Amino acid sequence: MSRPFAVARVAQPGLVHLTSTAVLGIVMLALAMLFAGSHMAAAHEFKVGDLEIEHPWSRATPAGAKVAGGYLIITNTGGEPDRLVSIVSEISEKAEVHEMAVKDGVMTMRRVEGGVEIPAGGKAELSPGAYHLMFMGLKQQPKEGESFSATLTFEKAGSIDVKFSVEAIGSAGEH
């Protein structure tokens, strides 16, 4: 006798047979999860002109911190270079592109005059310990699990609003 809601039956101890309804349900759930996962991943990528901005993120900051870093990857699919020239953020009084370097065992961080070039057919990766964004004069603390808005302005492609996901203090930006 067939039951419309029967999911499985036990043929012998330790062996379970799934009904076709159960198999169909499992397949539908797997497809729904796959679609939801791909949609969420795509939701954190942005495009302006020939530029693709991937996974803008920041680290949570301790109470009282006055600065935060911002990181992302910019890919240029076009035939001409472009340049990230400025950034404005809702969480800080100002934001700049910075470069961190270590020379003779001494770490230095400085503002990058003129912004960062994104080569034609190439990419620029802004990451901890290298080129990065510096949000200064924080108006609010970035908190893990939240996000904040910023506007990136490029020399040729123009401006685009992006969302920075806030990861844990000390995060390496796994996404």
C-alpha atoms as a PDB file:
ATOM      1  CA  MET A   1       0.000   0.000   0.000  1.00  0.00           C
ATOM      2  CA  SER A   2       1.423   3.404  -1.008  1.00  0.00           C
ATOM      3  CA  ARG A   3       1.263   6.347   1.360  1.00  0.00           C
ATOM      4  CA  PRO A   4       1.549   9.848  -0.143  1.00  0.00           C
ATOM      5  CA  PHE A   5       3.819  11.136   2.639  1.00  0.00           C
ATOM      6  CA  ALA A   6       5.949   8.036   3.177  1.00  0.00           C
ATOM      7  CA  VAL A   7       9.588   9.009   2.932  1.00  0.00           C
ATOM      8  CA  ALA A   8      11.314   5.727   3.545  1.00  0.00           C
ATOM      9  CA  ARG A   9      10.709   2.175   4.494  1.00  0.00           C
ATOM     10  CA  VAL A  10      13.031  -0.208   6.234  1.00  0.00           C
ATOM     11  CA  ALA A  11      13.592  -3.359   4.177  1.00  0.00           C
ATOM     12  CA  GLN A  12      15.929  -4.909   6.701  1.00  0.00           C
ATOM     13  CA  PRO A  13      17.787  -3.485   9.703  1.00  0.00           C
ATOM     14  CA  GLY A  14      20.379  -0.935   8.560  1.00  0.00           C
ATOM     15  CA  LEU A  15      19.024  -0.690   5.003  1.00  0.00           C
ATOM     16  CA  VAL A  16      16.636   2.121   4.087  1.00  0.00           C
ATOM     17  CA  HIS A  17      14.849   2.467   0.743  1.00  0.00           C
ATOM     18  CA  LEU A  18      13.731   5.966  -0.237  1.00  0.00           C
ATOM     19  CA  THR A  19      10.479   6.416  -2.079  1.00  0.00           C
ATOM     20  CA  SER A  20      10.453   8.340  -5.355  1.00  0.00           C
ATOM     21  CA  THR A  21       8.688  11.194  -3.509  1.00  0.00           C
ATOM     22  CA  ALA A  22      11.532  11.370  -0.977  1.00  0.00           C
ATOM     23  CA  VAL A  23      14.199  11.313  -3.702  1.00  0.00           C
ATOM     24  CA  LEU A  24      12.397  14.074  -5.606  1.00  0.00           C
ATOM     25  CA  GLY A  25      12.182  16.137  -2.389  1.00  0.00           C
ATOM     26  CA  ILE A  26      15.897  15.722  -1.693  1.00  0.00           C
ATOM     27  CA  VAL A  27      16.796  16.697  -5.278  1.00  0.00           C
ATOM     28  CA  MET A  28      14.553  19.785  -5.123  1.00  0.00           C
ATOM     29  CA  LEU A  29      16.072  20.840  -1.778  1.00  0.00           C
ATOM     30  CA  ALA A  30      19.608  20.400  -3.161  1.00  0.00           C
ATOM     31  CA  LEU A  31      18.782  22.498  -6.240  1.00  0.00           C
ATOM     32  CA  ALA A  32      17.187  25.212  -4.088  1.00  0.00           C
ATOM     33  CA  MET A  33      20.285  25.350  -1.862  1.00  0.00           C
ATOM     34  CA  LEU A  34      22.567  25.476  -4.912  1.00  0.00           C
ATOM     35  CA  PHE A  35      20.579  28.342  -6.427  1.00  0.00           C
ATOM     36  CA  ALA A  36      20.497  30.246  -3.115  1.00  0.00           C
ATOM     37  CA  GLY A  37      24.259  29.822  -2.688  1.00  0.00           C
ATOM     38  CA  SER A  38      25.100  31.013  -6.187  1.00  0.00           C
ATOM     39  CA  HIS A  39      22.721  33.971  -5.854  1.00  0.00           C
ATOM     40  CA  MET A  40      24.330  35.012  -2.567  1.00  0.00           C
ATOM     41  CA  ALA A  41      27.828  34.802  -4.066  1.00  0.00           C
ATOM     42  CA  ALA A  42      26.820  36.873  -7.072  1.00  0.00           C
ATOM     43  CA  ALA A  43      25.137  39.397  -4.819  1.00  0.00           C
ATOM     44  CA  HIS A  44      28.518  40.495  -3.481  1.00  0.00           C
ATOM     45  CA  GLU A  45      30.034  41.366  -6.824  1.00  0.00           C
ATOM     46  CA  PHE A  46      29.578  44.716  -8.533  1.00  0.00           C
ATOM     47  CA  LYS A  47      30.186  45.931 -12.082  1.00  0.00           C
ATOM     48  CA  VAL A  48      30.759  49.367 -13.582  1.00  0.00           C
ATOM     49  CA  GLY A  49      31.912  49.725 -17.186  1.00  0.00           C
ATOM     50  CA  ASP A  50      34.654  47.167 -17.834  1.00  0.00           C
ATOM     51  CA  LEU A  51      35.401  46.789 -14.126  1.00  0.00           C
ATOM     52  CA  GLU A  52      34.226  43.979 -11.856  1.00  0.00           C
ATOM     53  CA  ILE A  53      34.528  44.530  -8.099  1.00  0.00           C
ATOM     54  CA  GLU A  54      34.669  41.308  -6.112  1.00  0.00           C
ATOM     55  CA  HIS A  55      33.914  40.822  -2.418  1.00  0.00           C
ATOM     56  CA  PRO A  56      34.474  44.214  -0.779  1.00  0.00           C
ATOM     57  CA  TRP A  57      35.147  43.461   2.882  1.00  0.00           C
ATOM     58  CA  SER A  58      36.460  44.992   6.073  1.00  0.00           C
ATOM     59  CA  ARG A  59      37.386  43.745   9.514  1.00  0.00           C
ATOM     60  CA  ALA A  60      35.419  44.459  12.657  1.00  0.00           C
ATOM     61  CA  THR A  61      37.195  47.001  14.871  1.00  0.00           C
ATOM     62  CA  PRO A  62      37.518  47.187  18.645  1.00  0.00           C
ATOM     63  CA  ALA A  63      35.572  49.877  20.499  1.00  0.00           C
ATOM     64  CA  GLY A  64      37.231  53.278  20.169  1.00  0.00           C
ATOM     65  CA  ALA A  65      39.165  52.500  16.988  1.00  0.00           C
ATOM     66  CA  LYS A  66      39.443  55.502  14.676  1.00  0.00           C
ATOM     67  CA  VAL A  67      40.441  53.646  11.487  1.00  0.00           C
ATOM     68  CA  ALA A  68      39.447  50.527   9.563  1.00  0.00           C
ATOM     69  CA  GLY A  69      40.788  48.851   6.454  1.00  0.00           C
ATOM     70  CA  GLY A  70      38.918  47.895   3.305  1.00  0.00           C
ATOM     71  CA  TYR A  71      39.791  45.170   0.834  1.00  0.00           C
ATOM     72  CA  LEU A  72      38.529  43.978  -2.572  1.00  0.00           C
ATOM     73  CA  ILE A  73      39.592  42.725  -5.977  1.00  0.00           C
ATOM     74  CA  ILE A  74      39.024  44.835  -9.105  1.00  0.00           C
ATOM     75  CA  THR A  75      39.211  43.070 -12.468  1.00  0.00           C
ATOM     76  CA  ASN A  76      39.430  45.062 -15.690  1.00  0.00           C
ATOM     77  CA  THR A  77      37.953  43.135 -18.632  1.00  0.00           C
ATOM     78  CA  GLY A  78      38.504  46.061 -21.007  1.00  0.00           C
ATOM     79  CA  GLY A  79      41.286  46.999 -23.384  1.00  0.00           C
ATOM     80  CA  GLU A  80      42.367  50.164 -21.532  1.00  0.00           C
ATOM     81  CA  PRO A  81      43.694  50.643 -18.015  1.00  0.00           C
ATOM     82  CA  ASP A  82      41.543  52.441 -15.452  1.00  0.00           C
ATOM     83  CA  ARG A  83      42.310  53.875 -12.035  1.00  0.00           C
ATOM     84  CA  LEU A  84      40.555  53.874  -8.658  1.00  0.00           C
ATOM     85  CA  VAL A  85      40.855  57.557  -7.759  1.00  0.00           C
ATOM     86  CA  SER A  86      38.649  58.040  -4.701  1.00  0.00           C
ATOM     87  CA  ILE A  87      36.326  56.472  -2.171  1.00  0.00           C
ATOM     88  CA  VAL A  88      33.642  57.916   0.092  1.00  0.00           C
ATOM     89  CA  SER A  89      32.084  55.888   2.902  1.00  0.00           C
ATOM     90  CA  GLU A  90      29.130  56.264   5.230  1.00  0.00           C
ATOM     91  CA  ILE A  91      31.171  55.030   8.203  1.00  0.00           C
ATOM     92  CA  SER A  92      34.124  57.424   8.008  1.00  0.00           C
ATOM     93  CA  GLU A  93      34.933  61.090   7.661  1.00  0.00           C
ATOM     94  CA  LYS A  94      37.379  60.290   4.869  1.00  0.00           C
ATOM     95  CA  ALA A  95      38.813  57.333   3.012  1.00  0.00           C
ATOM     96  CA  GLU A  96      42.025  56.907   1.062  1.00  0.00           C
ATOM     97  CA  VAL A  97      43.934  54.301  -0.896  1.00  0.00           C
ATOM     98  CA  HIS A  98      47.030  53.257   1.075  1.00  0.00           C
ATOM     99  CA  GLU A  99      49.996  51.008   0.474  1.00  0.00           C
ATOM    100  CA  MET A 100      51.748  49.017   3.158  1.00  0.00           C
ATOM    101  CA  ALA A 101      55.297  47.830   2.556  1.00  0.00           C
ATOM    102  CA  VAL A 102      58.165  46.370   4.557  1.00  0.00           C
ATOM    103  CA  LYS A 103      61.669  47.602   3.778  1.00  0.00           C
ATOM    104  CA  ASP A 104      64.722  46.596   5.793  1.00  0.00           C
ATOM    105  CA  GLY A 105      62.423  45.121   8.428  1.00  0.00           C
ATOM    106  CA  VAL A 106      60.472  48.348   8.864  1.00  0.00           C
ATOM    107  CA  MET A 107      56.780  48.464   7.982  1.00  0.00           C
ATOM    108  CA  THR A 108      55.528  51.658   6.395  1.00  0.00           C
ATOM    109  CA  MET A 109      52.078  52.747   5.332  1.00  0.00           C
ATOM    110  CA  ARG A 110      51.457  55.690   3.066  1.00  0.00           C
ATOM    111  CA  ARG A 111      48.701  57.264   1.031  1.00  0.00           C
ATOM    112  CA  VAL A 112      48.864  56.400  -2.654  1.00  0.00           C
ATOM    113  CA  GLU A 113      48.833  59.620  -4.660  1.00  0.00           C
ATOM    114  CA  GLY A 114      46.710  59.362  -7.792  1.00  0.00           C
ATOM    115  CA  GLY A 115      45.000  56.112  -6.812  1.00  0.00           C
ATOM    116  CA  VAL A 116      45.558  52.537  -7.930  1.00  0.00           C
ATOM    117  CA  GLU A 117      45.805  51.483 -11.573  1.00  0.00           C
ATOM    118  CA  ILE A 118      43.788  48.517 -12.795  1.00  0.00           C
ATOM    119  CA  PRO A 119      45.654  47.309 -15.909  1.00  0.00           C
ATOM    120  CA  ALA A 120      43.792  46.439 -19.127  1.00  0.00           C
ATOM    121  CA  GLY A 121      42.896  42.750 -18.998  1.00  0.00           C
ATOM    122  CA  GLY A 122      44.313  42.563 -15.461  1.00  0.00           C
ATOM    123  CA  LYS A 123      43.387  43.098 -11.863  1.00  0.00           C
ATOM    124  CA  ALA A 124      44.260  45.030  -8.752  1.00  0.00           C
ATOM    125  CA  GLU A 125      43.951  43.231  -5.436  1.00  0.00           C
ATOM    126  CA  LEU A 126      43.575  45.410  -2.367  1.00  0.00           C
ATOM    127  CA  SER A 127      44.416  43.133   0.549  1.00  0.00           C
ATOM    128  CA  PRO A 128      45.906  43.173   4.053  1.00  0.00           C
ATOM    129  CA  GLY A 129      49.632  43.937   3.918  1.00  0.00           C
ATOM    130  CA  ALA A 130      49.543  45.575   0.475  1.00  0.00           C
ATOM    131  CA  TYR A 131      47.378  48.150  -1.287  1.00  0.00           C
ATOM    132  CA  HIS A 132      44.186  48.660   0.736  1.00  0.00           C
ATOM    133  CA  LEU A 133      41.530  51.230   1.559  1.00  0.00           C
ATOM    134  CA  MET A 134      41.823  53.168   4.793  1.00  0.00           C
ATOM    135  CA  PHE A 135      38.621  54.459   6.411  1.00  0.00           C
ATOM    136  CA  MET A 136      39.666  57.272   8.780  1.00  0.00           C
ATOM    137  CA  GLY A 137      37.723  59.157  11.420  1.00  0.00           C
ATOM    138  CA  LEU A 138      35.209  56.361  11.963  1.00  0.00           C
ATOM    139  CA  LYS A 139      31.671  57.569  12.657  1.00  0.00           C
ATOM    140  CA  GLN A 140      30.647  54.032  13.648  1.00  0.00           C
ATOM    141  CA  GLN A 141      32.495  50.806  14.393  1.00  0.00           C
ATOM    142  CA  PRO A 142      32.294  48.116  11.710  1.00  0.00           C
ATOM    143  CA  LYS A 143      30.720  45.095  13.446  1.00  0.00           C
ATOM    144  CA  GLU A 144      31.156  41.472  12.372  1.00  0.00           C
ATOM    145  CA  GLY A 145      28.213  40.226  10.329  1.00  0.00           C
ATOM    146  CA  GLU A 146      27.082  43.709   9.304  1.00  0.00           C
ATOM    147  CA  SER A 147      27.863  45.714   6.183  1.00  0.00           C
ATOM    148  CA  PHE A 148      28.361  49.330   5.206  1.00  0.00           C
ATOM    149  CA  SER A 149      28.113  51.334   1.986  1.00  0.00           C
ATOM    150  CA  ALA A 150      30.829  53.146   0.098  1.00  0.00           C
ATOM    151  CA  THR A 151      31.168  54.787  -3.297  1.00  0.00           C
ATOM    152  CA  LEU A 152      34.189  53.944  -5.432  1.00  0.00           C
ATOM    153  CA  THR A 153      35.129  56.400  -8.182  1.00  0.00           C
ATOM    154  CA  PHE A 154      37.198  55.353 -11.178  1.00  0.00           C
ATOM    155  CA  GLU A 155      38.918  57.621 -13.672  1.00  0.00           C
ATOM    156  CA  LYS A 156      37.142  56.150 -16.731  1.00  0.00           C
ATOM    157  CA  ALA A 157      34.353  53.853 -15.525  1.00  0.00           C
ATOM    158  CA  GLY A 158      32.829  56.432 -13.163  1.00  0.00           C
ATOM    159  CA  SER A 159      31.315  55.808  -9.733  1.00  0.00           C
ATOM    160  CA  ILE A 160      29.634  52.782  -8.194  1.00  0.00           C
ATOM    161  CA  ASP A 161      28.030  52.141  -4.805  1.00  0.00           C
ATOM    162  CA  VAL A 162      29.226  48.940  -3.129  1.00  0.00           C
ATOM    163  CA  LYS A 163      28.599  47.155   0.179  1.00  0.00           C
ATOM    164  CA  PHE A 164      31.515  46.087   2.369  1.00  0.00           C
ATOM    165  CA  SER A 165      30.857  42.919   4.382  1.00  0.00           C
ATOM    166  CA  VAL A 166      32.350  43.104   7.861  1.00  0.00           C
ATOM    167  CA  GLU A 167      34.289  40.005   8.876  1.00  0.00           C
ATOM    168  CA  ALA A 168      35.874  39.085  12.207  1.00  0.00           C
ATOM    169  CA  ILE A 169      38.795  40.991  13.732  1.00  0.00           C
ATOM    170  CA  GLY A 170      41.924  39.304  12.338  1.00  0.00           C
ATOM    171  CA  SER A 171      40.100  37.796   9.348  1.00  0.00           C
ATOM    172  CA  ALA A 172      42.144  37.055   6.251  1.00  0.00           C
ATOM    173  CA  GLY A 173      39.125  37.637   4.029  1.00  0.00           C
ATOM    174  CA  GLU A 174      38.011  34.095   3.254  1.00  0.00           C
ATOM    175  CA  HIS A 175      34.748  34.351   1.399  1.00  0.00           C
END
